Amino acid sequence: MQCGSYEPIVIGHKNVVYAIAFNNPFGDKIVTGSFDKTARIWDAETGEFECQKRMGKGCRLVTAIGFSGSGKYIAASDAAE
């Protein structure tokens, strides 16, 4: 990919994607968090969607997201009033 080019890979959320993280040091997965109350995992190389988790009833908007050090788990937080 050339500098300055743009290739969207997070098509599928139904609202704004507000948080994104790579599972470092592995770098093979991306997790996104959205105002649609979902977290989605994507293949970092192909951009293919892998799975989705809808947050619980108390969640308003996913505003922060990240992988655990092992890359096996994700943590998400929402906007507090």
C-alpha atoms as a PDB file:
ATOM      1  CA  MET A   1       0.000   0.000   0.000  1.00  0.00           C
ATOM      2  CA  GLN A   2       1.338   3.401  -0.935  1.00  0.00           C
ATOM      3  CA  CYS A   3       1.492   6.236   1.516  1.00  0.00           C
ATOM      4  CA  GLY A   4      -1.656   8.311   1.320  1.00  0.00           C
ATOM      5  CA  SER A   5      -3.872   5.555  -0.057  1.00  0.00           C
ATOM      6  CA  TYR A   6      -6.939   4.445   1.848  1.00  0.00           C
ATOM      7  CA  GLU A   7      -8.477   1.000   1.996  1.00  0.00           C
ATOM      8  CA  PRO A   8     -11.394   0.550   4.419  1.00  0.00           C
ATOM      9  CA  ILE A   9     -11.371  -2.768   6.237  1.00  0.00           C
ATOM     10  CA  VAL A  10     -13.899  -2.267   9.028  1.00  0.00           C
ATOM     11  CA  ILE A  11     -17.095  -2.303   6.999  1.00  0.00           C
ATOM     12  CA  GLY A  12     -19.893  -3.804   9.040  1.00  0.00           C
ATOM     13  CA  HIS A  13     -20.418  -1.705  12.142  1.00  0.00           C
ATOM     14  CA  LYS A  14     -23.764   0.056  12.178  1.00  0.00           C
ATOM     15  CA  ASN A  15     -22.411   3.215  13.813  1.00  0.00           C
ATOM     16  CA  VAL A  16     -19.146   5.116  14.383  1.00  0.00           C
ATOM     17  CA  VAL A  17     -16.010   3.035  15.078  1.00  0.00           C
ATOM     18  CA  TYR A  18     -14.531   4.820  18.074  1.00  0.00           C
ATOM     19  CA  ALA A  19     -11.826   2.419  19.284  1.00  0.00           C
ATOM     20  CA  ILE A  20      -9.356   0.132  17.521  1.00  0.00           C
ATOM     21  CA  ALA A  21      -6.425  -2.023  18.663  1.00  0.00           C
ATOM     22  CA  PHE A  22      -3.917  -4.520  17.246  1.00  0.00           C
ATOM     23  CA  ASN A  23      -3.020  -7.643  19.220  1.00  0.00           C
ATOM     24  CA  ASN A  24       0.667  -6.791  19.618  1.00  0.00           C
ATOM     25  CA  PRO A  25       3.175  -8.346  19.403  1.00  0.00           C
ATOM     26  CA  PHE A  26       1.393 -10.832  17.133  1.00  0.00           C
ATOM     27  CA  GLY A  27      -0.243  -8.269  14.854  1.00  0.00           C
ATOM     28  CA  ASP A  28      -2.540 -10.754  13.129  1.00  0.00           C
ATOM     29  CA  LYS A  29      -5.838  -9.481  14.569  1.00  0.00           C
ATOM     30  CA  ILE A  30      -7.572  -6.125  14.923  1.00  0.00           C
ATOM     31  CA  VAL A  31     -10.413  -5.422  17.335  1.00  0.00           C
ATOM     32  CA  THR A  32     -12.789  -2.506  16.830  1.00  0.00           C
ATOM     33  CA  GLY A  33     -15.305  -0.983  19.212  1.00  0.00           C
ATOM     34  CA  SER A  34     -18.270   0.990  18.011  1.00  0.00           C
ATOM     35  CA  PHE A  35     -21.112   3.209  19.109  1.00  0.00           C
ATOM     36  CA  ASP A  36     -23.347   0.335  17.906  1.00  0.00           C
ATOM     37  CA  LYS A  37     -22.433  -1.428  21.200  1.00  0.00           C
ATOM     38  CA  THR A  38     -20.368  -4.145  19.506  1.00  0.00           C
ATOM     39  CA  ALA A  39     -16.760  -5.283  19.451  1.00  0.00           C
ATOM     40  CA  ARG A  40     -15.600  -6.983  16.258  1.00  0.00           C
ATOM     41  CA  ILE A  41     -12.461  -8.967  15.526  1.00  0.00           C
ATOM     42  CA  TRP A  42     -10.866  -8.811  12.087  1.00  0.00           C
ATOM     43  CA  ASP A  43      -7.946 -10.531  10.351  1.00  0.00           C
ATOM     44  CA  ALA A  44      -5.275  -7.802  10.098  1.00  0.00           C
ATOM     45  CA  GLU A  45      -3.822  -9.094   6.836  1.00  0.00           C
ATOM     46  CA  THR A  46      -6.984  -9.763   4.841  1.00  0.00           C
ATOM     47  CA  GLY A  47      -9.488  -7.460   6.560  1.00  0.00           C
ATOM     48  CA  GLU A  48     -11.919 -10.355   6.857  1.00  0.00           C
ATOM     49  CA  PHE A  49     -14.484 -10.167   9.660  1.00  0.00           C
ATOM     50  CA  GLU A  50     -14.049 -13.017  12.174  1.00  0.00           C
ATOM     51  CA  CYS A  51     -16.493 -12.533  15.047  1.00  0.00           C
ATOM     52  CA  GLN A  52     -18.606 -10.065  16.972  1.00  0.00           C
ATOM     53  CA  LYS A  53     -19.583  -9.579  20.599  1.00  0.00           C
ATOM     54  CA  ARG A  54     -22.548  -7.412  21.537  1.00  0.00           C
ATOM     55  CA  MET A  55     -21.976  -5.645  24.835  1.00  0.00           C
ATOM     56  CA  GLY A  56     -24.364  -6.120  27.775  1.00  0.00           C
ATOM     57  CA  LYS A  57     -27.501  -4.147  28.605  1.00  0.00           C
ATOM     58  CA  GLY A  58     -25.624  -1.544  30.663  1.00  0.00           C
ATOM     59  CA  CYS A  59     -23.278  -0.624  27.807  1.00  0.00           C
ATOM     60  CA  ARG A  60     -24.064   2.587  25.968  1.00  0.00           C
ATOM     61  CA  LEU A  61     -21.135   3.042  23.564  1.00  0.00           C
ATOM     62  CA  VAL A  62     -17.824   1.193  23.222  1.00  0.00           C
ATOM     63  CA  THR A  63     -15.208   3.929  23.744  1.00  0.00           C
ATOM     64  CA  ALA A  64     -12.035   1.952  24.516  1.00  0.00           C
ATOM     65  CA  ILE A  65     -10.856  -1.514  23.540  1.00  0.00           C
ATOM     66  CA  GLY A  66      -7.731  -3.665  23.685  1.00  0.00           C
ATOM     67  CA  PHE A  67      -6.274  -7.169  23.683  1.00  0.00           C
ATOM     68  CA  SER A  68      -4.801  -8.967  26.666  1.00  0.00           C
ATOM     69  CA  GLY A  69      -1.048  -9.613  26.573  1.00  0.00           C
ATOM     70  CA  SER A  70      -1.651 -13.181  25.378  1.00  0.00           C
ATOM     71  CA  GLY A  71      -3.979 -12.013  22.602  1.00  0.00           C
ATOM     72  CA  LYS A  72      -6.671 -14.438  23.807  1.00  0.00           C
ATOM     73  CA  TYR A  73      -9.005 -11.882  25.399  1.00  0.00           C
ATOM     74  CA  ILE A  74     -10.322  -8.427  24.706  1.00  0.00           C
ATOM     75  CA  ALA A  75     -11.360  -5.755  27.176  1.00  0.00           C
ATOM     76  CA  ALA A  76     -13.828  -3.014  26.340  1.00  0.00           C
ATOM     77  CA  SER A  77     -15.214  -0.047  28.224  1.00  0.00           C
ATOM     78  CA  ASP A  78     -18.142   2.223  27.580  1.00  0.00           C
ATOM     79  CA  ALA A  79     -18.980   5.879  28.026  1.00  0.00           C
ATOM     80  CA  ALA A  80     -19.937   6.624  31.622  1.00  0.00           C
ATOM     81  CA  GLU A  81     -22.396   9.334  32.432  1.00  0.00           C
END
